[in-house]
């Protein structure tokens, strides 16, 4: 079993390239216990107000990174907005 701390991204050959690639996909939120910090790269996709469901996961990843408790080193967030909600005040 690999005894390196989560913050050490090297594989067993000492390279930073992963020796095994694992992909996971989950939609949700289905529960609060999804172990997303076990993955080196995380892709998050949200639309509109769906970003609110992603915020706890982002917070968990960032705080876990600061404490060297997660393996995640890259987070890609795609947030689709149909309207920015910006409007010109009347009279301008």
C-alpha atoms as a PDB file:
ATOM      1  CA  UNK A   1       0.000   0.000   0.000  1.00  0.00           C
ATOM      2  CA  UNK A   2       1.244   3.476  -0.878  1.00  0.00           C
ATOM      3  CA  UNK A   3       2.084   5.354   2.323  1.00  0.00           C
ATOM      4  CA  UNK A   4       2.871   8.729   0.735  1.00  0.00           C
ATOM      5  CA  UNK A   5       0.790  11.649   2.040  1.00  0.00           C
ATOM      6  CA  UNK A   6      -1.991  12.960  -0.160  1.00  0.00           C
ATOM      7  CA  UNK A   7       0.111  15.986  -1.078  1.00  0.00           C
ATOM      8  CA  UNK A   8       2.761  13.835  -2.800  1.00  0.00           C
ATOM      9  CA  UNK A   9       1.577  13.367  -6.390  1.00  0.00           C
ATOM     10  CA  UNK A  10       4.542  11.211  -7.497  1.00  0.00           C
ATOM     11  CA  UNK A  11       3.875   7.685  -8.698  1.00  0.00           C
ATOM     12  CA  UNK A  12       5.837   4.629  -7.558  1.00  0.00           C
ATOM     13  CA  UNK A  13       8.552   5.330 -10.176  1.00  0.00           C
ATOM     14  CA  UNK A  14       9.182   8.810  -8.719  1.00  0.00           C
ATOM     15  CA  UNK A  15       7.647  10.602 -11.705  1.00  0.00           C
ATOM     16  CA  UNK A  16       4.846  13.129 -11.407  1.00  0.00           C
ATOM     17  CA  UNK A  17       3.034  11.301 -14.218  1.00  0.00           C
ATOM     18  CA  UNK A  18       0.258   9.069 -12.887  1.00  0.00           C
ATOM     19  CA  UNK A  19       0.842   5.329 -13.212  1.00  0.00           C
ATOM     20  CA  UNK A  20      -2.896   4.596 -13.177  1.00  0.00           C
ATOM     21  CA  UNK A  21      -5.658   6.799 -14.481  1.00  0.00           C
ATOM     22  CA  UNK A  22      -9.086   6.540 -12.907  1.00  0.00           C
ATOM     23  CA  UNK A  23     -12.120   8.453 -14.020  1.00  0.00           C
ATOM     24  CA  UNK A  24     -15.243   8.967 -11.985  1.00  0.00           C
ATOM     25  CA  UNK A  25     -18.488  10.668 -12.859  1.00  0.00           C
ATOM     26  CA  UNK A  26     -21.241  11.557 -10.477  1.00  0.00           C
ATOM     27  CA  UNK A  27     -24.137  13.908 -10.704  1.00  0.00           C
ATOM     28  CA  UNK A  28     -25.998  15.327  -7.854  1.00  0.00           C
ATOM     29  CA  UNK A  29     -25.936  16.428  -5.237  1.00  0.00           C
ATOM     30  CA  UNK A  30     -26.977  12.980  -4.042  1.00  0.00           C
ATOM     31  CA  UNK A  31     -25.181  13.059  -0.731  1.00  0.00           C
ATOM     32  CA  UNK A  32     -22.613  15.116   1.118  1.00  0.00           C
ATOM     33  CA  UNK A  33     -20.061  12.302   1.418  1.00  0.00           C
ATOM     34  CA  UNK A  34     -18.770  12.012  -2.158  1.00  0.00           C
ATOM     35  CA  UNK A  35     -14.967  11.481  -1.864  1.00  0.00           C
ATOM     36  CA  UNK A  36     -13.924  13.898  -4.623  1.00  0.00           C
ATOM     37  CA  UNK A  37     -10.626  14.695  -2.898  1.00  0.00           C
ATOM     38  CA  UNK A  38      -9.306  11.281  -3.957  1.00  0.00           C
ATOM     39  CA  UNK A  39      -8.957  12.421  -7.572  1.00  0.00           C
ATOM     40  CA  UNK A  40      -6.048  14.440  -8.971  1.00  0.00           C
ATOM     41  CA  UNK A  41      -8.234  16.373 -11.401  1.00  0.00           C
ATOM     42  CA  UNK A  42     -11.857  17.370 -10.878  1.00  0.00           C
ATOM     43  CA  UNK A  43     -14.224  18.690 -13.554  1.00  0.00           C
ATOM     44  CA  UNK A  44     -17.297  20.476 -12.225  1.00  0.00           C
ATOM     45  CA  UNK A  45     -20.138  21.562 -14.498  1.00  0.00           C
ATOM     46  CA  UNK A  46     -23.004  23.768 -13.369  1.00  0.00           C
ATOM     47  CA  UNK A  47     -25.760  25.771 -15.008  1.00  0.00           C
ATOM     48  CA  UNK A  48     -27.440  28.809 -13.552  1.00  0.00           C
ATOM     49  CA  UNK A  49     -28.229  28.472  -9.878  1.00  0.00           C
ATOM     50  CA  UNK A  50     -26.787  24.938  -9.941  1.00  0.00           C
ATOM     51  CA  UNK A  51     -23.500  26.553  -8.935  1.00  0.00           C
ATOM     52  CA  UNK A  52     -24.847  26.598  -5.367  1.00  0.00           C
ATOM     53  CA  UNK A  53     -24.602  22.797  -5.258  1.00  0.00           C
ATOM     54  CA  UNK A  54     -20.936  22.950  -6.334  1.00  0.00           C
ATOM     55  CA  UNK A  55     -19.804  25.459  -3.706  1.00  0.00           C
ATOM     56  CA  UNK A  56     -19.570  23.006  -0.768  1.00  0.00           C
ATOM     57  CA  UNK A  57     -17.441  20.673  -2.919  1.00  0.00           C
ATOM     58  CA  UNK A  58     -15.159  23.556  -3.945  1.00  0.00           C
ATOM     59  CA  UNK A  59     -14.819  24.622  -0.325  1.00  0.00           C
ATOM     60  CA  UNK A  60     -13.968  21.041   0.719  1.00  0.00           C
ATOM     61  CA  UNK A  61     -11.311  20.743  -1.999  1.00  0.00           C
ATOM     62  CA  UNK A  62      -9.692  24.096  -1.271  1.00  0.00           C
ATOM     63  CA  UNK A  63      -9.604  23.570   2.488  1.00  0.00           C
ATOM     64  CA  UNK A  64      -8.360  20.005   2.025  1.00  0.00           C
ATOM     65  CA  UNK A  65      -5.602  21.244  -0.284  1.00  0.00           C
ATOM     66  CA  UNK A  66      -4.508  23.824   2.290  1.00  0.00           C
ATOM     67  CA  UNK A  67      -4.307  21.069   4.927  1.00  0.00           C
ATOM     68  CA  UNK A  68      -2.612  18.589   2.506  1.00  0.00           C
ATOM     69  CA  UNK A  69      -5.517  16.174   2.960  1.00  0.00           C
ATOM     70  CA  UNK A  70      -6.680  15.773  -0.663  1.00  0.00           C
ATOM     71  CA  UNK A  71      -4.998  14.560  -3.834  1.00  0.00           C
ATOM     72  CA  UNK A  72      -6.784  17.081  -6.045  1.00  0.00           C
ATOM     73  CA  UNK A  73      -4.405  19.490  -7.760  1.00  0.00           C
ATOM     74  CA  UNK A  74      -6.527  20.698 -10.688  1.00  0.00           C
ATOM     75  CA  UNK A  75     -10.126  21.898 -10.554  1.00  0.00           C
ATOM     76  CA  UNK A  76     -11.895  22.870 -13.760  1.00  0.00           C
ATOM     77  CA  UNK A  77     -15.220  24.634 -13.239  1.00  0.00           C
ATOM     78  CA  UNK A  78     -17.585  25.188 -16.147  1.00  0.00           C
ATOM     79  CA  UNK A  79     -20.496  27.421 -15.236  1.00  0.00           C
ATOM     80  CA  UNK A  80     -23.066  28.143 -17.934  1.00  0.00           C
ATOM     81  CA  UNK A  81     -25.145  31.277 -17.521  1.00  0.00           C
ATOM     82  CA  UNK A  82     -27.902  32.203 -19.928  1.00  0.00           C
ATOM     83  CA  UNK A  83     -28.056  35.769 -18.634  1.00  0.00           C
ATOM     84  CA  UNK A  84     -25.581  37.666 -16.511  1.00  0.00           C
ATOM     85  CA  UNK A  85     -28.464  39.549 -14.920  1.00  0.00           C
ATOM     86  CA  UNK A  86     -26.910  42.868 -15.846  1.00  0.00           C
ATOM     87  CA  UNK A  87     -29.249  45.562 -17.028  1.00  0.00           C
ATOM     88  CA  UNK A  88     -28.821  49.186 -17.859  1.00  0.00           C
ATOM     89  CA  UNK A  89     -30.564  51.494 -15.389  1.00  0.00           C
ATOM     90  CA  UNK A  90     -33.417  53.444 -16.934  1.00  0.00           C
ATOM     91  CA  UNK A  91     -32.527  56.905 -18.054  1.00  0.00           C
ATOM     92  CA  UNK A  92     -28.970  56.152 -19.110  1.00  0.00           C
END
